[in-house]
C-alpha atoms as a PDB file:
ATOM      1  CA  MET A   1     103.127 115.745  63.199  1.00  0.00           C
ATOM      2  CA  LYS A   2     100.062 117.623  62.036  1.00  0.00           C
ATOM      3  CA  LYS A   3      99.975 115.575  58.884  1.00  0.00           C
ATOM      4  CA  THR A   4     100.151 112.377  60.837  1.00  0.00           C
ATOM      5  CA  ALA A   5      97.264 113.502  63.052  1.00  0.00           C
ATOM      6  CA  ALA A   6      95.189 114.404  60.027  1.00  0.00           C
ATOM      7  CA  SER A   7      95.933 111.061  58.437  1.00  0.00           C
ATOM      8  CA  LYS A   8      94.949 109.252  61.559  1.00  0.00           C
ATOM      9  CA  LYS A   9      91.750 111.269  61.736  1.00  0.00           C
ATOM     10  CA  SER A  10      90.916 110.404  58.147  1.00  0.00           C
ATOM     11  CA  ALA A  11      91.620 106.727  58.691  1.00  0.00           C
ATOM     12  CA  ALA A  12      89.405 106.718  61.769  1.00  0.00           C
ATOM     13  CA  ALA A  13      86.613 108.325  59.764  1.00  0.00           C
ATOM     14  CA  ASP A  14      87.036 105.684  57.061  1.00  0.00           C
ATOM     15  CA  ARG A  15      86.813 102.935  59.586  1.00  0.00           C
ATOM     16  CA  ALA A  16      83.734 104.478  61.175  1.00  0.00           C
ATOM     17  CA  SER A  17      82.056 104.761  57.789  1.00  0.00           C
ATOM     18  CA  THR A  18      82.931 101.184  56.975  1.00  0.00           C
ATOM     19  CA  THR A  19      81.536 100.024  60.368  1.00  0.00           C
ATOM     20  CA  GLU A  20      78.211 101.893  59.813  1.00  0.00           C
ATOM     21  CA  GLU A  21      77.775 100.534  56.261  1.00  0.00           C
ATOM     22  CA  ALA A  22      78.402  96.964  57.199  1.00  0.00           C
ATOM     23  CA  PRO A  23      74.901  96.208  58.665  1.00  0.00           C
ATOM     24  CA  ALA A  24      73.289  97.509  55.435  1.00  0.00           C
ATOM     25  CA  THR A  25      75.538  95.256  53.392  1.00  0.00           C
ATOM     26  CA  GLU A  26      74.540  92.258  55.567  1.00  0.00           C
ATOM     27  CA  LYS A  27      70.742  93.022  55.317  1.00  0.00           C
ATOM     28  CA  ALA A  28      70.712  92.951  51.505  1.00  0.00           C
ATOM     29  CA  PRO A  29      71.466  89.273  51.177  1.00  0.00           C
ATOM     30  CA  ALA A  30      68.833  88.551  53.870  1.00  0.00           C
ATOM     31  CA  ALA A  31      66.216  90.488  51.879  1.00  0.00           C
ATOM     32  CA  LYS A  32      67.165  88.647  48.751  1.00  0.00           C
ATOM     33  CA  LYS A  33      66.934  85.365  50.598  1.00  0.00           C
ATOM     34  CA  SER A  34      63.453  86.312  52.013  1.00  0.00           C
ATOM     35  CA  ALA A  35      62.204  87.271  48.506  1.00  0.00           C
ATOM     36  CA  ALA A  36      63.528  84.007  47.149  1.00  0.00           C
ATOM     37  CA  ALA A  37      61.816  82.053  49.904  1.00  0.00           C
ATOM     38  CA  LYS A  38      58.506  83.782  49.235  1.00  0.00           C
ATOM     39  CA  LYS A  39      58.860  83.056  45.574  1.00  0.00           C
ATOM     40  CA  ALA A  40      59.569  79.464  46.308  1.00  0.00           C
ATOM     41  CA  ALA A  41      56.625  79.248  48.639  1.00  0.00           C
ATOM     42  CA  THR A  42      54.338  80.853  46.041  1.00  0.00           C
ATOM     43  CA  ALA A  43      55.646  78.430  43.465  1.00  0.00           C
ATOM     44  CA  LYS A  44      54.839  75.540  45.742  1.00  0.00           C
ATOM     45  CA  LYS A  45      51.278  76.903  46.466  1.00  0.00           C
ATOM     46  CA  ALA A  46      50.509  77.482  42.821  1.00  0.00           C
ATOM     47  CA  PRO A  47      50.373  73.821  41.829  1.00  0.00           C
ATOM     48  CA  ALA A  48      48.243  73.093  44.930  1.00  0.00           C
ATOM     49  CA  LYS A  49      45.735  75.817  43.936  1.00  0.00           C
ATOM     50  CA  LYS A  50      45.780  74.553  40.358  1.00  0.00           C
ATOM     51  CA  ALA A  51      45.090  71.009  41.503  1.00  0.00           C
ATOM     52  CA  SER A  52      42.332  72.254  43.791  1.00  0.00           C
ATOM     53  CA  ALA A  53      40.707  74.198  40.899  1.00  0.00           C
ATOM     54  CA  LYS A  54      40.900  71.108  38.655  1.00  0.00           C
ATOM     55  CA  LYS A  55      39.270  68.959  41.325  1.00  0.00           C
ATOM     56  CA  ALA A  56      36.466  71.476  41.849  1.00  0.00           C
ATOM     57  CA  ALA A  57      35.874  71.601  38.082  1.00  0.00           C
ATOM     58  CA  ARG A  58      35.767  67.794  37.912  1.00  0.00           C
ATOM     59  CA  LEU A  59      33.271  67.580  40.806  1.00  0.00           C
ATOM     60  CA  LYS A  60      31.173  70.244  39.206  1.00  0.00           C
ATOM     61  CA  ARG A  61      31.031  68.285  35.971  1.00  0.00           C
ATOM     62  CA  GLN A  62      30.053  65.088  37.843  1.00  0.00           C
ATOM     63  CA  ALA A  63      27.305  66.707  39.974  1.00  0.00           C
ATOM     64  CA  PRO A  64      24.607  66.828  37.278  1.00  0.00           C
ATOM     65  CA  ALA A  65      25.120  63.167  36.535  1.00  0.00           C
ATOM     66  CA  LYS A  66      24.020  62.271  40.080  1.00  0.00           C
ATOM     67  CA  LYS A  67      20.913  64.536  40.077  1.00  0.00           C
ATOM     68  CA  PRO A  68      18.673  62.323  37.891  1.00  0.00           C
ATOM     69  CA  ALA A  69      19.351  59.360  40.152  1.00  0.00           C
ATOM     70  CA  VAL A  70      17.207  61.003  42.885  1.00  0.00           C
ATOM     71  CA  VAL A  71      13.537  60.657  41.933  1.00  0.00           C
ATOM     72  CA  PRO A  72      10.950  62.472  44.079  1.00  0.00           C
ATOM     73  CA  LYS A  73       8.378  60.219  45.728  1.00  0.00           C
ATOM     74  CA  LYS A  74       5.457  62.060  44.095  1.00  0.00           C
ATOM     75  CA  ALA A  75       6.898  61.535  40.624  1.00  0.00           C
ATOM     76  CA  THR A  76       7.059  57.777  40.937  1.00  0.00           C
ATOM     77  CA  ALA A  77       3.541  57.272  39.652  1.00  0.00           C
ATOM     78  CA  ALA A  78       4.411  59.104  36.451  1.00  0.00           C
ATOM     79  CA  VAL A  79       7.459  57.049  35.663  1.00  0.00           C
ATOM     80  CA  LYS A  80       6.875  54.870  32.603  1.00  0.00           C
ATOM     81  CA  GLY A  81       6.365  51.205  33.424  1.00  0.00           C
ATOM     82  CA  VAL A  82       5.501  51.858  37.045  1.00  0.00           C
ATOM     83  CA  ALA A  83       1.851  51.280  37.923  1.00  0.00           C
ATOM     84  CA  PRO A  84       0.331  54.183  39.857  1.00  0.00           C
ATOM     85  CA  ALA A  85      -0.779  53.580  43.425  1.00  0.00           C
ATOM     86  CA  LYS A  86      -4.496  53.051  44.015  1.00  0.00           C
ATOM     87  CA  THR A  87      -4.608  56.281  46.018  1.00  0.00           C
ATOM     88  CA  VAL A  88      -3.383  58.261  43.027  1.00  0.00           C
ATOM     89  CA  ALA A  89      -6.243  59.691  41.051  1.00  0.00           C
ATOM     90  CA  PRO A  90      -6.081  58.410  37.460  1.00  0.00           C
ATOM     91  CA  LYS A  91      -5.420  60.973  34.717  1.00  0.00           C
ATOM     92  CA  PRO A  92      -7.523  61.388  31.580  1.00  0.00           C
ATOM     93  CA  PRO A  93      -6.126  59.972  28.344  1.00  0.00           C
ATOM     94  CA  ARG A  94      -3.389  62.282  27.207  1.00  0.00           C
ATOM     95  CA  GLY A  95      -3.942  64.144  23.996  1.00  0.00           C
ATOM     96  CA  GLU A  96      -7.398  62.674  23.403  1.00  0.00           C
ATOM     97  CA  SER A  97      -9.129  64.689  20.751  1.00  0.00           C
ATOM     98  CA  ARG A  98     -12.832  65.448  20.676  1.00  0.00           C
ATOM     99  CA  THR A  99     -13.366  62.864  17.917  1.00  0.00           C
ATOM    100  CA  ALA A 100     -11.475  60.238  19.925  1.00  0.00           C
ATOM    101  CA  LEU A 101     -13.553  61.028  23.012  1.00  0.00           C
ATOM    102  CA  VAL A 102     -16.818  60.629  21.079  1.00  0.00           C
ATOM    103  CA  ARG A 103     -15.700  57.323  19.600  1.00  0.00           C
ATOM    104  CA  ARG A 104     -14.592  55.989  22.986  1.00  0.00           C
ATOM    105  CA  ALA A 105     -17.771  57.123  24.727  1.00  0.00           C
ATOM    106  CA  ARG A 106     -20.029  55.523  22.084  1.00  0.00           C
ATOM    107  CA  ARG A 107     -17.977  52.342  22.155  1.00  0.00           C
ATOM    108  CA  ILE A 108     -18.453  52.110  25.910  1.00  0.00           C
ATOM    109  CA  ASN A 109     -22.186  52.506  25.443  1.00  0.00           C
ATOM    110  CA  ARG A 110     -22.227  49.724  22.782  1.00  0.00           C
ATOM    111  CA  GLU A 111     -20.308  47.391  25.057  1.00  0.00           C
ATOM    112  CA  LEU A 112     -22.681  48.039  27.962  1.00  0.00           C
ATOM    113  CA  ALA A 113     -25.706  47.458  25.659  1.00  0.00           C
ATOM    114  CA  GLU A 114     -24.349  43.934  25.004  1.00  0.00           C
ATOM    115  CA  VAL A 115     -23.876  43.287  28.707  1.00  0.00           C
ATOM    116  CA  TYR A 116     -27.258  44.731  29.723  1.00  0.00           C
ATOM    117  CA  PRO A 117     -29.577  44.227  26.692  1.00  0.00           C
ATOM    118  CA  TYR A 118     -32.536  44.173  29.095  1.00  0.00           C
ATOM    119  CA  ALA A 119     -31.619  47.404  30.946  1.00  0.00           C
ATOM    120  CA  HIS A 120     -34.717  49.225  32.057  1.00  0.00           C
ATOM    121  CA  PRO A 121     -35.947  51.674  34.735  1.00  0.00           C
ATOM    122  CA  GLU A 122     -35.806  49.866  38.041  1.00  0.00           C
ATOM    123  CA  LEU A 123     -38.933  51.431  39.483  1.00  0.00           C
ATOM    124  CA  ASP A 124     -42.214  49.512  39.229  1.00  0.00           C
ATOM    125  CA  PHE A 125     -44.934  51.553  37.557  1.00  0.00           C
ATOM    126  CA  GLU A 126     -48.018  51.056  35.401  1.00  0.00           C
ATOM    127  CA  ASN A 127     -48.648  54.609  34.304  1.00  0.00           C
ATOM    128  CA  PRO A 128     -46.948  58.079  34.328  1.00  0.00           C
ATOM    129  CA  PHE A 129     -48.510  59.010  37.663  1.00  0.00           C
ATOM    130  CA  GLN A 130     -47.086  55.965  39.407  1.00  0.00           C
ATOM    131  CA  LEU A 131     -43.686  56.609  37.856  1.00  0.00           C
ATOM    132  CA  VAL A 132     -43.462  60.235  38.884  1.00  0.00           C
ATOM    133  CA  VAL A 133     -44.490  59.430  42.446  1.00  0.00           C
ATOM    134  CA  ALA A 134     -42.042  56.494  42.660  1.00  0.00           C
ATOM    135  CA  THR A 135     -39.200  58.601  41.300  1.00  0.00           C
ATOM    136  CA  VAL A 136     -39.795  61.307  43.904  1.00  0.00           C
ATOM    137  CA  LEU A 137     -39.824  58.650  46.614  1.00  0.00           C
ATOM    138  CA  SER A 138     -36.519  57.145  45.380  1.00  0.00           C
ATOM    139  CA  ALA A 139     -34.446  60.069  46.768  1.00  0.00           C
ATOM    140  CA  GLN A 140     -32.073  58.995  49.533  1.00  0.00           C
ATOM    141  CA  THR A 141     -33.129  55.376  49.271  1.00  0.00           C
ATOM    142  CA  THR A 142     -32.964  52.386  46.931  1.00  0.00           C
ATOM    143  CA  ASP A 143     -35.381  51.584  44.086  1.00  0.00           C
ATOM    144  CA  LEU A 144     -35.857  48.231  45.700  1.00  0.00           C
ATOM    145  CA  ARG A 145     -37.242  49.795  48.889  1.00  0.00           C
ATOM    146  CA  VAL A 146     -39.502  52.100  46.860  1.00  0.00           C
ATOM    147  CA  ASN A 147     -40.834  49.136  44.898  1.00  0.00           C
ATOM    148  CA  GLN A 148     -41.568  47.312  48.140  1.00  0.00           C
ATOM    149  CA  THR A 149     -43.451  50.341  49.473  1.00  0.00           C
ATOM    150  CA  THR A 150     -45.504  51.690  46.555  1.00  0.00           C
ATOM    151  CA  PRO A 151     -47.889  48.719  46.152  1.00  0.00           C
ATOM    152  CA  ALA A 152     -49.631  49.646  49.381  1.00  0.00           C
ATOM    153  CA  LEU A 153     -49.555  53.365  48.455  1.00  0.00           C
ATOM    154  CA  PHE A 154     -51.100  52.914  45.008  1.00  0.00           C
ATOM    155  CA  ALA A 155     -53.613  50.344  46.245  1.00  0.00           C
ATOM    156  CA  LYS A 156     -55.007  52.954  48.610  1.00  0.00           C
ATOM    157  CA  TYR A 157     -54.478  56.054  46.382  1.00  0.00           C
ATOM    158  CA  PRO A 158     -54.592  54.947  42.738  1.00  0.00           C
ATOM    159  CA  THR A 159     -55.150  58.436  41.188  1.00  0.00           C
ATOM    160  CA  PRO A 160     -53.767  61.934  41.691  1.00  0.00           C
ATOM    161  CA  GLU A 161     -57.188  62.993  43.033  1.00  0.00           C
ATOM    162  CA  ASP A 162     -57.117  60.267  45.689  1.00  0.00           C
ATOM    163  CA  LEU A 163     -53.590  61.140  46.874  1.00  0.00           C
ATOM    164  CA  ALA A 164     -54.298  64.898  46.839  1.00  0.00           C
ATOM    165  CA  ALA A 165     -57.197  64.309  49.319  1.00  0.00           C
ATOM    166  CA  ALA A 166     -55.212  61.917  51.519  1.00  0.00           C
ATOM    167  CA  VAL A 167     -54.581  62.416  55.250  1.00  0.00           C
ATOM    168  CA  PRO A 168     -50.877  63.198  55.560  1.00  0.00           C
ATOM    169  CA  GLU A 169     -50.408  61.054  58.681  1.00  0.00           C
ATOM    170  CA  GLU A 170     -51.756  57.991  56.902  1.00  0.00           C
ATOM    171  CA  VAL A 171     -49.466  58.533  53.930  1.00  0.00           C
ATOM    172  CA  GLU A 172     -46.499  59.037  56.230  1.00  0.00           C
ATOM    173  CA  GLU A 173     -47.133  55.683  57.828  1.00  0.00           C
ATOM    174  CA  ILE A 174     -47.028  53.996  54.461  1.00  0.00           C
ATOM    175  CA  LEU A 175     -43.894  55.805  53.313  1.00  0.00           C
ATOM    176  CA  ARG A 176     -42.010  55.410  56.582  1.00  0.00           C
ATOM    177  CA  PRO A 177     -39.700  52.560  55.203  1.00  0.00           C
ATOM    178  CA  THR A 178     -38.343  54.917  52.453  1.00  0.00           C
ATOM    179  CA  GLY A 179     -36.839  57.385  54.933  1.00  0.00           C
ATOM    180  CA  PHE A 180     -37.492  61.150  55.055  1.00  0.00           C
ATOM    181  CA  PHE A 181     -41.135  60.119  54.954  1.00  0.00           C
ATOM    182  CA  ARG A 182     -42.591  63.442  56.186  1.00  0.00           C
ATOM    183  CA  ALA A 183     -40.838  65.448  53.452  1.00  0.00           C
ATOM    184  CA  LYS A 184     -41.760  62.842  50.812  1.00  0.00           C
ATOM    185  CA  THR A 185     -45.397  62.801  51.990  1.00  0.00           C
ATOM    186  CA  LYS A 186     -45.541  66.545  51.536  1.00  0.00           C
ATOM    187  CA  SER A 187     -44.036  66.241  48.038  1.00  0.00           C
ATOM    188  CA  VAL A 188     -46.284  63.483  46.690  1.00  0.00           C
ATOM    189  CA  ILE A 189     -49.438  65.100  48.089  1.00  0.00           C
ATOM    190  CA  GLY A 190     -48.312  68.434  46.766  1.00  0.00           C
ATOM    191  CA  LEU A 191     -47.583  67.163  43.253  1.00  0.00           C
ATOM    192  CA  SER A 192     -50.872  65.258  43.266  1.00  0.00           C
ATOM    193  CA  LYS A 193     -52.736  68.476  44.077  1.00  0.00           C
ATOM    194  CA  ALA A 194     -50.804  70.310  41.302  1.00  0.00           C
ATOM    195  CA  LEU A 195     -51.715  67.574  38.812  1.00  0.00           C
ATOM    196  CA  THR A 196     -55.346  67.755  39.813  1.00  0.00           C
ATOM    197  CA  GLU A 197     -55.679  71.515  39.815  1.00  0.00           C
ATOM    198  CA  ASP A 198     -53.355  72.509  36.956  1.00  0.00           C
ATOM    199  CA  PHE A 199     -53.261  69.559  34.594  1.00  0.00           C
ATOM    200  CA  GLY A 200     -56.637  67.924  34.946  1.00  0.00           C
ATOM    201  CA  GLY A 201     -55.299  64.910  36.848  1.00  0.00           C
ATOM    202  CA  GLU A 202     -52.851  63.968  34.039  1.00  0.00           C
ATOM    203  CA  VAL A 203     -49.064  63.977  34.169  1.00  0.00           C
ATOM    204  CA  PRO A 204     -47.794  66.525  31.585  1.00  0.00           C
ATOM    205  CA  GLY A 205     -45.440  65.331  28.860  1.00  0.00           C
ATOM    206  CA  ARG A 206     -43.284  68.450  28.703  1.00  0.00           C
ATOM    207  CA  LEU A 207     -40.120  69.228  30.600  1.00  0.00           C
ATOM    208  CA  GLU A 208     -41.086  72.793  31.461  1.00  0.00           C
ATOM    209  CA  ASP A 209     -44.386  71.564  32.999  1.00  0.00           C
ATOM    210  CA  LEU A 210     -42.954  68.660  34.980  1.00  0.00           C
ATOM    211  CA  VAL A 211     -40.293  70.711  36.749  1.00  0.00           C
ATOM    212  CA  LYS A 212     -43.060  72.926  38.127  1.00  0.00           C
ATOM    213  CA  LEU A 213     -44.448  70.061  40.164  1.00  0.00           C
ATOM    214  CA  PRO A 214     -43.390  69.878  43.915  1.00  0.00           C
ATOM    215  CA  GLY A 215     -40.394  67.549  44.355  1.00  0.00           C
ATOM    216  CA  VAL A 216     -39.769  67.189  40.624  1.00  0.00           C
ATOM    217  CA  GLY A 217     -36.456  68.328  39.170  1.00  0.00           C
ATOM    218  CA  ARG A 218     -34.785  67.729  35.821  1.00  0.00           C
ATOM    219  CA  LYS A 219     -33.634  64.237  36.739  1.00  0.00           C
ATOM    220  CA  THR A 220     -37.091  63.060  37.730  1.00  0.00           C
ATOM    221  CA  ALA A 221     -38.584  64.839  34.700  1.00  0.00           C
ATOM    222  CA  PHE A 222     -36.220  63.021  32.315  1.00  0.00           C
ATOM    223  CA  VAL A 223     -37.049  59.665  33.961  1.00  0.00           C
ATOM    224  CA  VAL A 224     -40.751  60.289  33.344  1.00  0.00           C
ATOM    225  CA  LEU A 225     -40.304  61.673  29.806  1.00  0.00           C
ATOM    226  CA  GLY A 226     -37.962  58.858  28.716  1.00  0.00           C
ATOM    227  CA  ASN A 227     -39.786  55.938  30.241  1.00  0.00           C
ATOM    228  CA  ALA A 228     -43.434  56.949  30.359  1.00  0.00           C
ATOM    229  CA  PHE A 229     -43.631  59.062  27.186  1.00  0.00           C
ATOM    230  CA  GLY A 230     -40.816  57.732  25.047  1.00  0.00           C
ATOM    231  CA  ARG A 231     -39.115  61.101  24.783  1.00  0.00           C
ATOM    232  CA  PRO A 232     -35.309  60.967  25.002  1.00  0.00           C
ATOM    233  CA  GLY A 233     -33.651  62.275  28.151  1.00  0.00           C
ATOM    234  CA  ILE A 234     -30.495  61.819  30.217  1.00  0.00           C
ATOM    235  CA  THR A 235     -31.000  60.877  33.845  1.00  0.00           C
ATOM    236  CA  VAL A 236     -28.075  62.297  35.825  1.00  0.00           C
ATOM    237  CA  ASP A 237     -28.230  60.449  39.152  1.00  0.00           C
ATOM    238  CA  THR A 238     -25.336  59.720  41.518  1.00  0.00           C
ATOM    239  CA  HIS A 239     -24.252  56.594  39.538  1.00  0.00           C
ATOM    240  CA  PHE A 240     -24.313  58.454  36.233  1.00  0.00           C
ATOM    241  CA  GLN A 241     -22.291  61.358  37.664  1.00  0.00           C
ATOM    242  CA  ARG A 242     -19.664  59.026  39.130  1.00  0.00           C
ATOM    243  CA  LEU A 243     -19.153  56.910  35.983  1.00  0.00           C
ATOM    244  CA  VAL A 244     -19.031  59.643  33.360  1.00  0.00           C
ATOM    245  CA  ARG A 245     -16.381  61.437  35.436  1.00  0.00           C
ATOM    246  CA  ARG A 246     -14.393  58.208  35.886  1.00  0.00           C
ATOM    247  CA  TRP A 247     -14.536  57.628  32.129  1.00  0.00           C
ATOM    248  CA  ARG A 248     -13.449  61.263  31.591  1.00  0.00           C
ATOM    249  CA  TRP A 249     -16.440  62.087  29.428  1.00  0.00           C
ATOM    250  CA  THR A 250     -16.627  65.357  31.317  1.00  0.00           C
ATOM    251  CA  GLU A 251     -15.041  67.127  34.303  1.00  0.00           C
ATOM    252  CA  GLU A 252     -18.227  68.948  35.205  1.00  0.00           C
ATOM    253  CA  THR A 253     -19.822  68.476  38.620  1.00  0.00           C
ATOM    254  CA  ASP A 254     -23.119  70.289  38.179  1.00  0.00           C
ATOM    255  CA  PRO A 255     -25.853  67.860  37.019  1.00  0.00           C
ATOM    256  CA  ASP A 256     -27.223  70.229  34.363  1.00  0.00           C
ATOM    257  CA  LYS A 257     -23.717  70.759  32.926  1.00  0.00           C
ATOM    258  CA  ILE A 258     -23.027  67.007  32.997  1.00  0.00           C
ATOM    259  CA  GLU A 259     -26.299  66.406  31.119  1.00  0.00           C
ATOM    260  CA  ALA A 260     -25.349  68.933  28.443  1.00  0.00           C
ATOM    261  CA  ALA A 261     -21.734  67.681  28.117  1.00  0.00           C
ATOM    262  CA  VAL A 262     -22.679  63.989  27.845  1.00  0.00           C
ATOM    263  CA  GLY A 263     -25.694  64.682  25.617  1.00  0.00           C
ATOM    264  CA  ALA A 264     -23.347  66.315  23.101  1.00  0.00           C
ATOM    265  CA  LEU A 265     -21.416  63.006  22.754  1.00  0.00           C
ATOM    266  CA  PHE A 266     -24.391  60.951  21.648  1.00  0.00           C
ATOM    267  CA  PRO A 267     -27.322  61.230  19.270  1.00  0.00           C
ATOM    268  CA  LYS A 268     -30.508  62.241  21.022  1.00  0.00           C
ATOM    269  CA  SER A 269     -32.127  58.880  20.286  1.00  0.00           C
ATOM    270  CA  ASP A 270     -29.558  57.117  22.507  1.00  0.00           C
ATOM    271  CA  TRP A 271     -30.075  59.245  25.628  1.00  0.00           C
ATOM    272  CA  THR A 272     -32.655  57.146  27.487  1.00  0.00           C
ATOM    273  CA  ASP A 273     -31.030  53.773  26.916  1.00  0.00           C
ATOM    274  CA  LEU A 274     -27.578  55.336  27.623  1.00  0.00           C
ATOM    275  CA  SER A 275     -28.855  56.393  31.037  1.00  0.00           C
ATOM    276  CA  HIS A 276     -30.078  52.849  31.806  1.00  0.00           C
ATOM    277  CA  HIS A 277     -26.758  51.298  30.693  1.00  0.00           C
ATOM    278  CA  VAL A 278     -24.630  53.661  32.792  1.00  0.00           C
ATOM    279  CA  ILE A 279     -26.827  53.422  35.896  1.00  0.00           C
ATOM    280  CA  TRP A 280     -27.043  49.622  35.694  1.00  0.00           C
ATOM    281  CA  HIS A 281     -23.235  49.418  35.344  1.00  0.00           C
ATOM    282  CA  GLY A 282     -22.777  51.771  38.328  1.00  0.00           C
ATOM    283  CA  ARG A 283     -25.061  49.649  40.526  1.00  0.00           C
ATOM    284  CA  ARG A 284     -23.643  46.285  39.572  1.00  0.00           C
ATOM    285  CA  ILE A 285     -19.973  46.687  38.749  1.00  0.00           C
ATOM    286  CA  CYS A 286     -18.514  50.166  38.961  1.00  0.00           C
ATOM    287  CA  HIS A 287     -19.277  50.840  42.587  1.00  0.00           C
ATOM    288  CA  ALA A 288     -18.402  54.076  44.381  1.00  0.00           C
ATOM    289  CA  ARG A 289     -16.009  52.574  46.976  1.00  0.00           C
ATOM    290  CA  LYS A 290     -14.907  49.253  45.540  1.00  0.00           C
ATOM    291  CA  PRO A 291     -15.317  49.131  41.772  1.00  0.00           C
ATOM    292  CA  ALA A 292     -14.832  45.610  40.351  1.00  0.00           C
ATOM    293  CA  CYS A 293     -12.250  46.635  37.718  1.00  0.00           C
ATOM    294  CA  GLY A 294     -11.178  43.051  37.136  1.00  0.00           C
ATOM    295  CA  ALA A 295     -14.696  42.037  36.091  1.00  0.00           C
ATOM    296  CA  CYS A 296     -15.543  45.171  34.097  1.00  0.00           C
ATOM    297  CA  PRO A 297     -16.356  44.673  30.394  1.00  0.00           C
ATOM    298  CA  VAL A 298     -15.215  48.211  29.474  1.00  0.00           C
ATOM    299  CA  SER A 299     -11.946  48.261  31.480  1.00  0.00           C
ATOM    300  CA  PRO A 300      -9.722  48.626  28.333  1.00  0.00           C
ATOM    301  CA  LEU A 301     -11.613  51.869  27.597  1.00  0.00           C
ATOM    302  CA  CYS A 302     -11.558  53.242  31.133  1.00  0.00           C
ATOM    303  CA  PRO A 303      -8.905  55.813  32.249  1.00  0.00           C
ATOM    304  CA  ALA A 304      -9.747  55.002  35.898  1.00  0.00           C
ATOM    305  CA  TYR A 305      -8.896  51.285  35.609  1.00  0.00           C
ATOM    306  CA  GLY A 306      -7.050  50.271  38.790  1.00  0.00           C
ATOM    307  CA  GLU A 307      -9.083  52.334  41.208  1.00  0.00           C
ATOM    308  CA  GLY A 308     -10.741  49.127  42.360  1.00  0.00           C
ATOM    309  CA  GLU A 309      -9.938  45.406  42.563  1.00  0.00           C
ATOM    310  CA  THR A 310      -8.151  44.271  39.366  1.00  0.00           C
ATOM    311  CA  ASP A 311      -7.849  40.542  40.225  1.00  0.00           C
ATOM    312  CA  PRO A 312     -10.659  38.855  38.249  1.00  0.00           C
ATOM    313  CA  GLU A 313     -11.537  36.321  40.922  1.00  0.00           C
ATOM    314  CA  LYS A 314     -11.623  38.875  43.684  1.00  0.00           C
ATOM    315  CA  ALA A 315     -13.538  41.337  41.476  1.00  0.00           C
ATOM    316  CA  LYS A 316     -16.292  38.801  40.822  1.00  0.00           C
ATOM    317  CA  LYS A 317     -17.096  38.703  44.520  1.00  0.00           C
ATOM    318  CA  LEU A 318     -17.853  42.451  44.367  1.00  0.00           C
ATOM    319  CA  LEU A 319     -20.595  42.155  41.736  1.00  0.00           C
ATOM    320  CA  LYS A 320     -24.079  43.115  42.860  1.00  0.00           C
ATOM    321  CA  TYR A 321     -27.522  42.452  41.474  1.00  0.00           C
ATOM    322  CA  GLU A 322     -26.386  40.672  38.315  1.00  0.00           C
ATOM    323  CA  LYS A 323     -28.618  38.297  36.351  1.00  0.00           C
ATOM    324  CA  GLY A 324     -26.668  35.242  37.522  1.00  0.00           C
ATOM    325  CA  GLY A 325     -29.099  34.354  40.262  1.00  0.00           C
ATOM    326  CA  PHE A 326     -29.333  37.697  42.028  1.00  0.00           C
ATOM    327  CA  PRO A 327     -32.701  39.549  42.331  1.00  0.00           C
ATOM    328  CA  GLY A 328     -33.270  42.810  40.545  1.00  0.00           C
ATOM    329  CA  GLN A 329     -34.715  45.976  42.018  1.00  0.00           C
ATOM    330  CA  ARG A 330     -38.204  45.407  40.635  1.00  0.00           C
ATOM    331  CA  LEU A 331     -40.972  43.222  41.914  1.00  0.00           C
ATOM    332  CA  LYS A 332     -42.396  43.056  38.374  1.00  0.00           C
ATOM    333  CA  PRO A 333     -39.454  43.359  35.981  1.00  0.00           C
ATOM    334  CA  PRO A 334     -39.865  43.279  32.194  1.00  0.00           C
ATOM    335  CA  GLN A 335     -40.032  39.916  30.545  1.00  0.00           C
ATOM    336  CA  ALA A 336     -36.705  40.453  28.787  1.00  0.00           C
ATOM    337  CA  TYR A 337     -34.949  40.647  32.103  1.00  0.00           C
ATOM    338  CA  LEU A 338     -36.597  37.446  33.364  1.00  0.00           C
ATOM    339  CA  ASP A 339     -35.710  35.710  30.084  1.00  0.00           C
ATOM    340  CA  ALA A 340     -32.091  36.627  30.564  1.00  0.00           C
ATOM    341  CA  GLY A 341     -32.010  34.893  33.919  1.00  0.00           C
ATOM    342  CA  GLY A 342     -32.925  37.745  36.245  1.00  0.00           C
ATOM    343  CA  LYS A 343     -35.164  37.323  39.189  1.00  0.00           C
ATOM    344  CA  PRO A 344     -37.884  39.580  40.654  1.00  0.00           C
ATOM    345  CA  ALA A 345     -37.139  41.458  43.863  1.00  0.00           C
ATOM    346  CA  PRO A 346     -38.728  40.146  47.017  1.00  0.00           C
ATOM    347  CA  PRO A 347     -41.713  41.986  48.456  1.00  0.00           C
ATOM    348  CA  LEU A 348     -41.513  44.111  51.607  1.00  0.00           C
ATOM    349  CA  GLY A 349     -40.725  41.970  54.649  1.00  0.00           C
ATOM    350  CA  ALA A 350     -39.437  39.038  52.642  1.00  0.00           C
ATOM    351  CA  GLY A 351     -35.851  40.165  52.233  1.00  0.00           C
END
């Protein structure tokens, strides 16, 4: 009986043990199944990630190919074969050596000499005194207006002594048409007194003496030296400054530095005529606001070609004061100018 009870107890314990172990046995296949599912899911994601990586690499390789297709607006003017807009400042010739610059500058001067063989100072004068006075009066006005005004001035005051003793109010009345007449009256009377007191009533022929006169700077001095005394000089007026910068002969803006830079490109003997050629071209063709590029004889040598009107027919309408029937600035121009077809300027009040 005892044995039977013990056997029953043992069998019950075995059943209990079996019952407790059953859930653990059931969880193991579930865990295996979950691991297998995760592995399968990972296996499925792997090709997707691989494909995504390949696509990204392909897009990355293609991106640079699209970049050059986008051209910035500012770069358009530099693209080869595309004409720059008129508002874009022209650039100097690339890689132009000093020798090439000298050759180009001298060729421009030769071309202009053929176009303006009669180029001359456009102020009427009969002696150095008249020229220095007329040049001082030409500031802030045209040579034409000065030429229309000086006949009355020199008729009343023919010598430095006469003008030095003049009544300022009377001189002002004569010079009124030239503008800034009070300041100009003070200058011409002052320089006349200086000529009378310091130089015996004679205009000096040296630069260092001329620039000491009231109202006389280097530009005026070189006009007088070159045209009244035959001594070479470069006249750096507004036309000269504009053109030599357009032609890229120099980038300087100070008149004295422009004079030095341009003077170094030419022999000294060319300086006076060079000044006439450049100034004549600036007044007649290469204007400040509307240069007549299409009618310019030196356009193939000009880095600024295209700043103005390039159509030949339209450009011709922009020409001013050319020998083809238009009057010059002088009432009494040189015979060479008249022989070439030029006409004298009208006197004051006639046009």
